[in-house]
Amino acid sequence: MAGTGELEVWIDQDLCTGDGICAQYAPDVFELDIDGLAYVKGPDDELRQQPGESAPVPLTLLQDVVDSVKDCPGDCIHVRRAADGVEVYGPDAE
């Protein structure tokens, strides 16, 4: 497990396949936009549409987000520690 501390998630839209698995697993965190790609959304429910823009991962939804990372066919979901930017789940995680 990644340990405690604030985590944030972002999606690399260049790799997104638009399958929507993430939005099914964690609809409070991910949403498909009209362009057919997935984006993260923040506590304000607004999509974060700038490249690399992240949103916090609510601790109660961490497992759903991690499942999304594991099952994403595009390997485009990244979860990192907010404090130092180290990826803890996703294609670049150690």
PDB file of N, CA and C in Angstrom:
ATOM      1  N   MET A   1       0.849  -1.190   0.000  1.00  0.00           N
ATOM      2  CA  MET A   1       0.000   0.000   0.000  1.00  0.00           C
ATOM      3  C   MET A   1       0.886   1.241   0.000  1.00  0.00           C
ATOM      4  N   ALA A   2       0.361   2.315  -0.487  1.00  0.00           N
ATOM      5  CA  ALA A   2       1.164   3.519  -0.691  1.00  0.00           C
ATOM      6  C   ALA A   2       1.473   4.258   0.595  1.00  0.00           C
ATOM      7  N   GLY A   3       0.803   3.928   1.670  1.00  0.00           N
ATOM      8  CA  GLY A   3       1.020   4.661   2.904  1.00  0.00           C
ATOM      9  C   GLY A   3       0.063   5.839   2.981  1.00  0.00           C
ATOM     10  N   THR A   4       0.179   6.588   4.044  1.00  0.00           N
ATOM     11  CA  THR A   4      -0.762   7.680   4.239  1.00  0.00           C
ATOM     12  C   THR A   4      -0.273   8.934   3.530  1.00  0.00           C
ATOM     13  N   GLY A   5      -1.113   9.917   3.470  1.00  0.00           N
ATOM     14  CA  GLY A   5      -0.770  11.157   2.800  1.00  0.00           C
ATOM     15  C   GLY A   5      -1.708  11.390   1.636  1.00  0.00           C
ATOM     16  N   GLU A   6      -1.789  12.635   1.239  1.00  0.00           N
ATOM     17  CA  GLU A   6      -2.680  13.009   0.156  1.00  0.00           C
ATOM     18  C   GLU A   6      -2.202  12.417  -1.168  1.00  0.00           C
ATOM     19  N   LEU A   7      -3.139  11.836  -1.901  1.00  0.00           N
ATOM     20  CA  LEU A   7      -2.843  11.320  -3.230  1.00  0.00           C
ATOM     21  C   LEU A   7      -3.647  12.104  -4.255  1.00  0.00           C
ATOM     22  N   GLU A   8      -3.095  12.209  -5.455  1.00  0.00           N
ATOM     23  CA  GLU A   8      -3.814  12.853  -6.544  1.00  0.00           C
ATOM     24  C   GLU A   8      -3.730  11.966  -7.772  1.00  0.00           C
ATOM     25  N   VAL A   9      -4.700  12.119  -8.653  1.00  0.00           N
ATOM     26  CA  VAL A   9      -4.792  11.280  -9.835  1.00  0.00           C
ATOM     27  C   VAL A   9      -4.889  12.162 -11.074  1.00  0.00           C
ATOM     28  N   TRP A  10      -4.278  11.688 -12.149  1.00  0.00           N
ATOM     29  CA  TRP A  10      -4.418  12.380 -13.430  1.00  0.00           C
ATOM     30  C   TRP A  10      -4.442  11.340 -14.539  1.00  0.00           C
ATOM     31  N   ILE A  11      -4.960  11.751 -15.686  1.00  0.00           N
ATOM     32  CA  ILE A  11      -5.088  10.861 -16.839  1.00  0.00           C
ATOM     33  C   ILE A  11      -4.316  11.446 -18.012  1.00  0.00           C
ATOM     34  N   ASP A  12      -3.561  10.588 -18.682  1.00  0.00           N
ATOM     35  CA  ASP A  12      -2.876  10.984 -19.914  1.00  0.00           C
ATOM     36  C   ASP A  12      -3.854  10.747 -21.066  1.00  0.00           C
ATOM     37  N   GLN A  13      -4.523  11.817 -21.499  1.00  0.00           N
ATOM     38  CA  GLN A  13      -5.546  11.670 -22.540  1.00  0.00           C
ATOM     39  C   GLN A  13      -4.986  11.171 -23.866  1.00  0.00           C
ATOM     40  N   ASP A  14      -3.681  11.358 -24.099  1.00  0.00           N
ATOM     41  CA  ASP A  14      -3.074  10.850 -25.340  1.00  0.00           C
ATOM     42  C   ASP A  14      -3.135   9.329 -25.411  1.00  0.00           C
ATOM     43  N   LEU A  15      -3.213   8.681 -24.253  1.00  0.00           N
ATOM     44  CA  LEU A  15      -3.245   7.213 -24.206  1.00  0.00           C
ATOM     45  C   LEU A  15      -4.630   6.661 -23.899  1.00  0.00           C
ATOM     46  N   CYS A  16      -5.571   7.534 -23.566  1.00  0.00           N
ATOM     47  CA  CYS A  16      -6.908   7.081 -23.167  1.00  0.00           C
ATOM     48  C   CYS A  16      -7.619   6.419 -24.345  1.00  0.00           C
ATOM     49  N   THR A  17      -8.183   5.242 -24.093  1.00  0.00           N
ATOM     50  CA  THR A  17      -8.902   4.508 -25.133  1.00  0.00           C
ATOM     51  C   THR A  17     -10.399   4.793 -25.109  1.00  0.00           C
ATOM     52  N   GLY A  18     -10.864   5.509 -24.089  1.00  0.00           N
ATOM     53  CA  GLY A  18     -12.275   5.867 -24.009  1.00  0.00           C
ATOM     54  C   GLY A  18     -13.191   4.722 -23.606  1.00  0.00           C
ATOM     55  N   ASP A  19     -12.620   3.655 -23.031  1.00  0.00           N
ATOM     56  CA  ASP A  19     -13.442   2.514 -22.622  1.00  0.00           C
ATOM     57  C   ASP A  19     -14.405   2.856 -21.490  1.00  0.00           C
ATOM     58  N   GLY A  20     -14.004   3.796 -20.631  1.00  0.00           N
ATOM     59  CA  GLY A  20     -14.888   4.230 -19.558  1.00  0.00           C
ATOM     60  C   GLY A  20     -14.903   3.328 -18.338  1.00  0.00           C
ATOM     61  N   ILE A  21     -13.970   2.389 -18.267  1.00  0.00           N
ATOM     62  CA  ILE A  21     -13.897   1.504 -17.103  1.00  0.00           C
ATOM     63  C   ILE A  21     -13.701   2.325 -15.829  1.00  0.00           C
ATOM     64  N   CYS A  22     -12.852   3.335 -15.914  1.00  0.00           N
ATOM     65  CA  CYS A  22     -12.581   4.162 -14.735  1.00  0.00           C
ATOM     66  C   CYS A  22     -13.852   4.856 -14.247  1.00  0.00           C
ATOM     67  N   ALA A  23     -14.655   5.357 -15.183  1.00  0.00           N
ATOM     68  CA  ALA A  23     -15.883   6.060 -14.808  1.00  0.00           C
ATOM     69  C   ALA A  23     -16.915   5.104 -14.209  1.00  0.00           C
ATOM     70  N   GLN A  24     -16.843   3.832 -14.605  1.00  0.00           N
ATOM     71  CA  GLN A  24     -17.736   2.837 -14.002  1.00  0.00           C
ATOM     72  C   GLN A  24     -17.298   2.520 -12.576  1.00  0.00           C
ATOM     73  N   TYR A  25     -15.977   2.378 -12.369  1.00  0.00           N
ATOM     74  CA  TYR A  25     -15.448   2.026 -11.053  1.00  0.00           C
ATOM     75  C   TYR A  25     -15.560   3.178 -10.061  1.00  0.00           C
ATOM     76  N   ALA A  26     -15.222   4.372 -10.507  1.00  0.00           N
ATOM     77  CA  ALA A  26     -15.156   5.525  -9.597  1.00  0.00           C
ATOM     78  C   ALA A  26     -15.773   6.758 -10.251  1.00  0.00           C
ATOM     79  N   PRO A  27     -17.106   6.774 -10.393  1.00  0.00           N
ATOM     80  CA  PRO A  27     -17.756   7.893 -11.074  1.00  0.00           C
ATOM     81  C   PRO A  27     -17.610   9.245 -10.365  1.00  0.00           C
ATOM     82  N   ASP A  28     -17.237   9.223  -9.094  1.00  0.00           N
ATOM     83  CA  ASP A  28     -17.012  10.480  -8.385  1.00  0.00           C
ATOM     84  C   ASP A  28     -15.662  11.088  -8.716  1.00  0.00           C
ATOM     85  N   VAL A  29     -14.791  10.304  -9.363  1.00  0.00           N
ATOM     86  CA  VAL A  29     -13.428  10.759  -9.665  1.00  0.00           C
ATOM     87  C   VAL A  29     -13.201  10.896 -11.172  1.00  0.00           C
ATOM     88  N   PHE A  30     -13.798  10.002 -11.965  1.00  0.00           N
ATOM     89  CA  PHE A  30     -13.572   9.986 -13.412  1.00  0.00           C
ATOM     90  C   PHE A  30     -14.871  10.215 -14.168  1.00  0.00           C
ATOM     91  N   GLU A  31     -14.752  10.846 -15.330  1.00  0.00           N
ATOM     92  CA  GLU A  31     -15.922  11.051 -16.175  1.00  0.00           C
ATOM     93  C   GLU A  31     -15.484  11.120 -17.638  1.00  0.00           C
ATOM     94  N   LEU A  32     -16.295  10.530 -18.515  1.00  0.00           N
ATOM     95  CA  LEU A  32     -16.039  10.663 -19.944  1.00  0.00           C
ATOM     96  C   LEU A  32     -16.634  11.976 -20.421  1.00  0.00           C
ATOM     97  N   ASP A  33     -15.864  12.720 -21.204  1.00  0.00           N
ATOM     98  CA  ASP A  33     -16.353  13.984 -21.740  1.00  0.00           C
ATOM     99  C   ASP A  33     -16.934  13.751 -23.140  1.00  0.00           C
ATOM    100  N   ILE A  34     -17.439  14.801 -23.748  1.00  0.00           N
ATOM    101  CA  ILE A  34     -18.060  14.656 -25.065  1.00  0.00           C
ATOM    102  C   ILE A  34     -17.052  14.250 -26.135  1.00  0.00           C
ATOM    103  N   ASP A  35     -15.746  14.436 -25.852  1.00  0.00           N
ATOM    104  CA  ASP A  35     -14.727  13.995 -26.817  1.00  0.00           C
ATOM    105  C   ASP A  35     -14.468  12.494 -26.720  1.00  0.00           C
ATOM    106  N   GLY A  36     -15.172  11.810 -25.792  1.00  0.00           N
ATOM    107  CA  GLY A  36     -15.026  10.368 -25.661  1.00  0.00           C
ATOM    108  C   GLY A  36     -13.858   9.936 -24.802  1.00  0.00           C
ATOM    109  N   LEU A  37     -13.137  10.892 -24.218  1.00  0.00           N
ATOM    110  CA  LEU A  37     -11.985  10.575 -23.383  1.00  0.00           C
ATOM    111  C   LEU A  37     -12.335  10.785 -21.908  1.00  0.00           C
ATOM    112  N   ALA A  38     -11.605  10.083 -21.058  1.00  0.00           N
ATOM    113  CA  ALA A  38     -11.831  10.195 -19.620  1.00  0.00           C
ATOM    114  C   ALA A  38     -11.011  11.342 -19.033  1.00  0.00           C
ATOM    115  N   TYR A  39     -11.604  11.993 -18.041  1.00  0.00           N
ATOM    116  CA  TYR A  39     -10.939  13.063 -17.304  1.00  0.00           C
ATOM    117  C   TYR A  39     -11.192  12.863 -15.826  1.00  0.00           C
ATOM    118  N   VAL A  40     -10.296  13.400 -15.010  1.00  0.00           N
ATOM    119  CA  VAL A  40     -10.545  13.392 -13.572  1.00  0.00           C
ATOM    120  C   VAL A  40     -11.380  14.622 -13.245  1.00  0.00           C
ATOM    121  N   LYS A  41     -12.127  14.517 -12.150  1.00  0.00           N
ATOM    122  CA  LYS A  41     -12.881  15.687 -11.699  1.00  0.00           C
ATOM    123  C   LYS A  41     -12.612  15.920 -10.231  1.00  0.00           C
ATOM    124  N   GLY A  42     -12.637  17.172  -9.868  1.00  0.00           N
ATOM    125  CA  GLY A  42     -12.312  17.552  -8.510  1.00  0.00           C
ATOM    126  C   GLY A  42     -13.518  17.550  -7.600  1.00  0.00           C
ATOM    127  N   PRO A  43     -13.310  17.948  -6.350  1.00  0.00           N
ATOM    128  CA  PRO A  43     -14.394  18.014  -5.366  1.00  0.00           C
ATOM    129  C   PRO A  43     -15.519  18.948  -5.804  1.00  0.00           C
ATOM    130  N   ASP A  44     -15.205  19.889  -6.707  1.00  0.00           N
ATOM    131  CA  ASP A  44     -16.219  20.815  -7.215  1.00  0.00           C
ATOM    132  C   ASP A  44     -17.020  20.210  -8.371  1.00  0.00           C
ATOM    133  N   ASP A  45     -16.717  18.955  -8.723  1.00  0.00           N
ATOM    134  CA  ASP A  45     -17.395  18.213  -9.785  1.00  0.00           C
ATOM    135  C   ASP A  45     -17.041  18.728 -11.182  1.00  0.00           C
ATOM    136  N   GLU A  46     -16.050  19.607 -11.274  1.00  0.00           N
ATOM    137  CA  GLU A  46     -15.611  20.129 -12.566  1.00  0.00           C
ATOM    138  C   GLU A  46     -14.501  19.243 -13.123  1.00  0.00           C
ATOM    139  N   LEU A  47     -14.564  18.978 -14.445  1.00  0.00           N
ATOM    140  CA  LEU A  47     -13.523  18.173 -15.086  1.00  0.00           C
ATOM    141  C   LEU A  47     -12.226  18.957 -15.147  1.00  0.00           C
ATOM    142  N   ARG A  48     -11.134  18.248 -14.923  1.00  0.00           N
ATOM    143  CA  ARG A  48      -9.798  18.839 -15.044  1.00  0.00           C
ATOM    144  C   ARG A  48      -9.305  18.499 -16.450  1.00  0.00           C
ATOM    145  N   GLN A  49      -9.363  19.481 -17.355  1.00  0.00           N
ATOM    146  CA  GLN A  49      -9.148  19.190 -18.767  1.00  0.00           C
ATOM    147  C   GLN A  49      -7.799  19.622 -19.308  1.00  0.00           C
ATOM    148  N   GLN A  50      -6.997  20.277 -18.489  1.00  0.00           N
ATOM    149  CA  GLN A  50      -5.660  20.644 -18.951  1.00  0.00           C
ATOM    150  C   GLN A  50      -4.752  19.418 -18.880  1.00  0.00           C
ATOM    151  N   PRO A  51      -3.836  19.257 -19.846  1.00  0.00           N
ATOM    152  CA  PRO A  51      -2.930  18.096 -19.818  1.00  0.00           C
ATOM    153  C   PRO A  51      -2.180  17.987 -18.493  1.00  0.00           C
ATOM    154  N   GLY A  52      -2.255  16.806 -17.890  1.00  0.00           N
ATOM    155  CA  GLY A  52      -1.549  16.563 -16.636  1.00  0.00           C
ATOM    156  C   GLY A  52      -2.227  17.123 -15.410  1.00  0.00           C
ATOM    157  N   GLU A  53      -3.371  17.764 -15.581  1.00  0.00           N
ATOM    158  CA  GLU A  53      -4.075  18.356 -14.436  1.00  0.00           C
ATOM    159  C   GLU A  53      -4.631  17.235 -13.556  1.00  0.00           C
ATOM    160  N   SER A  54      -4.463  17.386 -12.262  1.00  0.00           N
ATOM    161  CA  SER A  54      -4.822  16.310 -11.340  1.00  0.00           C
ATOM    162  C   SER A  54      -5.986  16.712 -10.442  1.00  0.00           C
ATOM    163  N   ALA A  55      -6.510  15.699  -9.745  1.00  0.00           N
ATOM    164  CA  ALA A  55      -7.560  15.908  -8.752  1.00  0.00           C
ATOM    165  C   ALA A  55      -7.218  15.045  -7.546  1.00  0.00           C
ATOM    166  N   PRO A  56      -7.621  15.471  -6.354  1.00  0.00           N
ATOM    167  CA  PRO A  56      -7.339  14.660  -5.172  1.00  0.00           C
ATOM    168  C   PRO A  56      -8.102  13.340  -5.203  1.00  0.00           C
ATOM    169  N   VAL A  57      -7.502  12.321  -4.610  1.00  0.00           N
ATOM    170  CA  VAL A  57      -8.160  11.018  -4.488  1.00  0.00           C
ATOM    171  C   VAL A  57      -8.744  10.917  -3.080  1.00  0.00           C
ATOM    172  N   PRO A  58     -10.065  10.905  -2.954  1.00  0.00           N
ATOM    173  CA  PRO A  58     -10.657  10.725  -1.619  1.00  0.00           C
ATOM    174  C   PRO A  58     -10.276   9.337  -1.082  1.00  0.00           C
ATOM    175  N   LEU A  59      -9.856   9.284   0.160  1.00  0.00           N
ATOM    176  CA  LEU A  59      -9.401   8.027   0.748  1.00  0.00           C
ATOM    177  C   LEU A  59     -10.467   6.935   0.647  1.00  0.00           C
ATOM    178  N   THR A  60     -11.729   7.330   0.764  1.00  0.00           N
ATOM    179  CA  THR A  60     -12.812   6.347   0.712  1.00  0.00           C
ATOM    180  C   THR A  60     -12.950   5.726  -0.674  1.00  0.00           C
ATOM    181  N   LEU A  61     -12.397   6.389  -1.691  1.00  0.00           N
ATOM    182  CA  LEU A  61     -12.500   5.897  -3.072  1.00  0.00           C
ATOM    183  C   LEU A  61     -11.181   5.345  -3.595  1.00  0.00           C
ATOM    184  N   LEU A  62     -10.170   5.266  -2.719  1.00  0.00           N
ATOM    185  CA  LEU A  62      -8.842   4.853  -3.174  1.00  0.00           C
ATOM    186  C   LEU A  62      -8.864   3.488  -3.843  1.00  0.00           C
ATOM    187  N   GLN A  63      -9.549   2.510  -3.255  1.00  0.00           N
ATOM    188  CA  GLN A  63      -9.556   1.171  -3.846  1.00  0.00           C
ATOM    189  C   GLN A  63     -10.203   1.171  -5.222  1.00  0.00           C
ATOM    190  N   ASP A  64     -11.291   1.945  -5.392  1.00  0.00           N
ATOM    191  CA  ASP A  64     -11.938   2.044  -6.698  1.00  0.00           C
ATOM    192  C   ASP A  64     -11.000   2.672  -7.727  1.00  0.00           C
ATOM    193  N   VAL A  65     -10.248   3.676  -7.301  1.00  0.00           N
ATOM    194  CA  VAL A  65      -9.302   4.336  -8.203  1.00  0.00           C
ATOM    195  C   VAL A  65      -8.174   3.370  -8.572  1.00  0.00           C
ATOM    196  N   VAL A  66      -7.665   2.634  -7.582  1.00  0.00           N
ATOM    197  CA  VAL A  66      -6.593   1.668  -7.844  1.00  0.00           C
ATOM    198  C   VAL A  66      -7.079   0.577  -8.797  1.00  0.00           C
ATOM    199  N   ASP A  67      -8.311   0.103  -8.605  1.00  0.00           N
ATOM    200  CA  ASP A  67      -8.873  -0.890  -9.524  1.00  0.00           C
ATOM    201  C   ASP A  67      -8.966  -0.321 -10.939  1.00  0.00           C
ATOM    202  N   SER A  68      -9.314   0.951 -11.047  1.00  0.00           N
ATOM    203  CA  SER A  68      -9.370   1.605 -12.354  1.00  0.00           C
ATOM    204  C   SER A  68      -7.994   1.611 -13.013  1.00  0.00           C
ATOM    205  N   VAL A  69      -6.975   1.941 -12.220  1.00  0.00           N
ATOM    206  CA  VAL A  69      -5.600   1.954 -12.731  1.00  0.00           C
ATOM    207  C   VAL A  69      -5.232   0.575 -13.278  1.00  0.00           C
ATOM    208  N   LYS A  70      -5.535  -0.454 -12.505  1.00  0.00           N
ATOM    209  CA  LYS A  70      -5.135  -1.817 -12.884  1.00  0.00           C
ATOM    210  C   LYS A  70      -5.864  -2.326 -14.120  1.00  0.00           C
ATOM    211  N   ASP A  71      -7.125  -1.943 -14.279  1.00  0.00           N
ATOM    212  CA  ASP A  71      -7.934  -2.477 -15.376  1.00  0.00           C
ATOM    213  C   ASP A  71      -8.004  -1.571 -16.601  1.00  0.00           C
ATOM    214  N   CYS A  72      -7.384  -0.417 -16.536  1.00  0.00           N
ATOM    215  CA  CYS A  72      -7.416   0.528 -17.655  1.00  0.00           C
ATOM    216  C   CYS A  72      -6.663  -0.046 -18.855  1.00  0.00           C
ATOM    217  N   PRO A  73      -7.350  -0.226 -19.998  1.00  0.00           N
ATOM    218  CA  PRO A  73      -6.670  -0.793 -21.167  1.00  0.00           C
ATOM    219  C   PRO A  73      -5.622   0.140 -21.767  1.00  0.00           C
ATOM    220  N   GLY A  74      -5.740   1.444 -21.498  1.00  0.00           N
ATOM    221  CA  GLY A  74      -4.777   2.388 -22.054  1.00  0.00           C
ATOM    222  C   GLY A  74      -3.578   2.656 -21.168  1.00  0.00           C
ATOM    223  N   ASP A  75      -3.569   2.081 -19.951  1.00  0.00           N
ATOM    224  CA  ASP A  75      -2.489   2.366 -18.991  1.00  0.00           C
ATOM    225  C   ASP A  75      -2.224   3.866 -18.887  1.00  0.00           C
ATOM    226  N   CYS A  76      -3.295   4.641 -18.752  1.00  0.00           N
ATOM    227  CA  CYS A  76      -3.133   6.090 -18.801  1.00  0.00           C
ATOM    228  C   CYS A  76      -3.488   6.796 -17.498  1.00  0.00           C
ATOM    229  N   ILE A  77      -3.825   6.019 -16.444  1.00  0.00           N
ATOM    230  CA  ILE A  77      -4.207   6.631 -15.170  1.00  0.00           C
ATOM    231  C   ILE A  77      -3.014   6.590 -14.224  1.00  0.00           C
ATOM    232  N   HIS A  78      -2.705   7.744 -13.648  1.00  0.00           N
ATOM    233  CA  HIS A  78      -1.542   7.881 -12.770  1.00  0.00           C
ATOM    234  C   HIS A  78      -1.999   8.400 -11.411  1.00  0.00           C
ATOM    235  N   VAL A  79      -1.578   7.720 -10.340  1.00  0.00           N
ATOM    236  CA  VAL A  79      -1.841   8.187  -8.980  1.00  0.00           C
ATOM    237  C   VAL A  79      -0.502   8.491  -8.334  1.00  0.00           C
ATOM    238  N   ARG A  80      -0.367   9.704  -7.841  1.00  0.00           N
ATOM    239  CA  ARG A  80       0.903  10.120  -7.235  1.00  0.00           C
ATOM    240  C   ARG A  80       0.661  10.771  -5.887  1.00  0.00           C
ATOM    241  N   ARG A  81       1.719  10.768  -5.073  1.00  0.00           N
ATOM    242  CA  ARG A  81       1.657  11.472  -3.797  1.00  0.00           C
ATOM    243  C   ARG A  81       1.698  12.968  -4.074  1.00  0.00           C
ATOM    244  N   ALA A  82       0.797  13.693  -3.461  1.00  0.00           N
ATOM    245  CA  ALA A  82       0.745  15.139  -3.667  1.00  0.00           C
ATOM    246  C   ALA A  82       1.998  15.814  -3.111  1.00  0.00           C
ATOM    247  N   ALA A  83       2.551  15.264  -2.033  1.00  0.00           N
ATOM    248  CA  ALA A  83       3.675  15.909  -1.356  1.00  0.00           C
ATOM    249  C   ALA A  83       4.930  15.974  -2.220  1.00  0.00           C
ATOM    250  N   ASP A  84       5.247  14.867  -2.927  1.00  0.00           N
ATOM    251  CA  ASP A  84       6.506  14.849  -3.684  1.00  0.00           C
ATOM    252  C   ASP A  84       6.347  14.417  -5.141  1.00  0.00           C
ATOM    253  N   GLY A  85       5.111  14.141  -5.564  1.00  0.00           N
ATOM    254  CA  GLY A  85       4.877  13.808  -6.964  1.00  0.00           C
ATOM    255  C   GLY A  85       5.289  12.406  -7.378  1.00  0.00           C
ATOM    256  N   VAL A  86       5.638  11.558  -6.409  1.00  0.00           N
ATOM    257  CA  VAL A  86       6.058  10.195  -6.736  1.00  0.00           C
ATOM    258  C   VAL A  86       4.832   9.346  -7.075  1.00  0.00           C
ATOM    259  N   GLU A  87       4.883   8.672  -8.239  1.00  0.00           N
ATOM    260  CA  GLU A  87       3.764   7.829  -8.646  1.00  0.00           C
ATOM    261  C   GLU A  87       3.716   6.562  -7.800  1.00  0.00           C
ATOM    262  N   VAL A  88       2.541   6.278  -7.249  1.00  0.00           N
ATOM    263  CA  VAL A  88       2.385   5.111  -6.394  1.00  0.00           C
ATOM    264  C   VAL A  88       1.531   4.021  -7.040  1.00  0.00           C
ATOM    265  N   TYR A  89       0.662   4.421  -7.979  1.00  0.00           N
ATOM    266  CA  TYR A  89      -0.106   3.459  -8.780  1.00  0.00           C
ATOM    267  C   TYR A  89      -0.111   3.969 -10.209  1.00  0.00           C
ATOM    268  N   GLY A  90       0.038   3.053 -11.150  1.00  0.00           N
ATOM    269  CA  GLY A  90       0.027   3.447 -12.550  1.00  0.00           C
ATOM    270  C   GLY A  90       1.242   2.932 -13.287  1.00  0.00           C
ATOM    271  N   PRO A  91       1.359   3.246 -14.574  1.00  0.00           N
ATOM    272  CA  PRO A  91       2.425   2.679 -15.396  1.00  0.00           C
ATOM    273  C   PRO A  91       3.822   3.084 -14.970  1.00  0.00           C
ATOM    274  N   ASP A  92       3.955   4.219 -14.271  1.00  0.00           N
ATOM    275  CA  ASP A  92       5.293   4.679 -13.854  1.00  0.00           C
ATOM    276  C   ASP A  92       5.593   4.378 -12.391  1.00  0.00           C
ATOM    277  N   ALA A  93       4.714   3.634 -11.722  1.00  0.00           N
ATOM    278  CA  ALA A  93       4.938   3.324 -10.301  1.00  0.00           C
ATOM    279  C   ALA A  93       6.086   2.326 -10.169  1.00  0.00           C
ATOM    280  N   GLU A  94       6.816   2.448  -9.085  1.00  0.00           N
ATOM    281  CA  GLU A  94       7.951   1.534  -8.816  1.00  0.00           C
ATOM    282  C   GLU A  94       7.449   0.143  -8.527  1.00  0.00           C
TER     283      GLU A  94
END
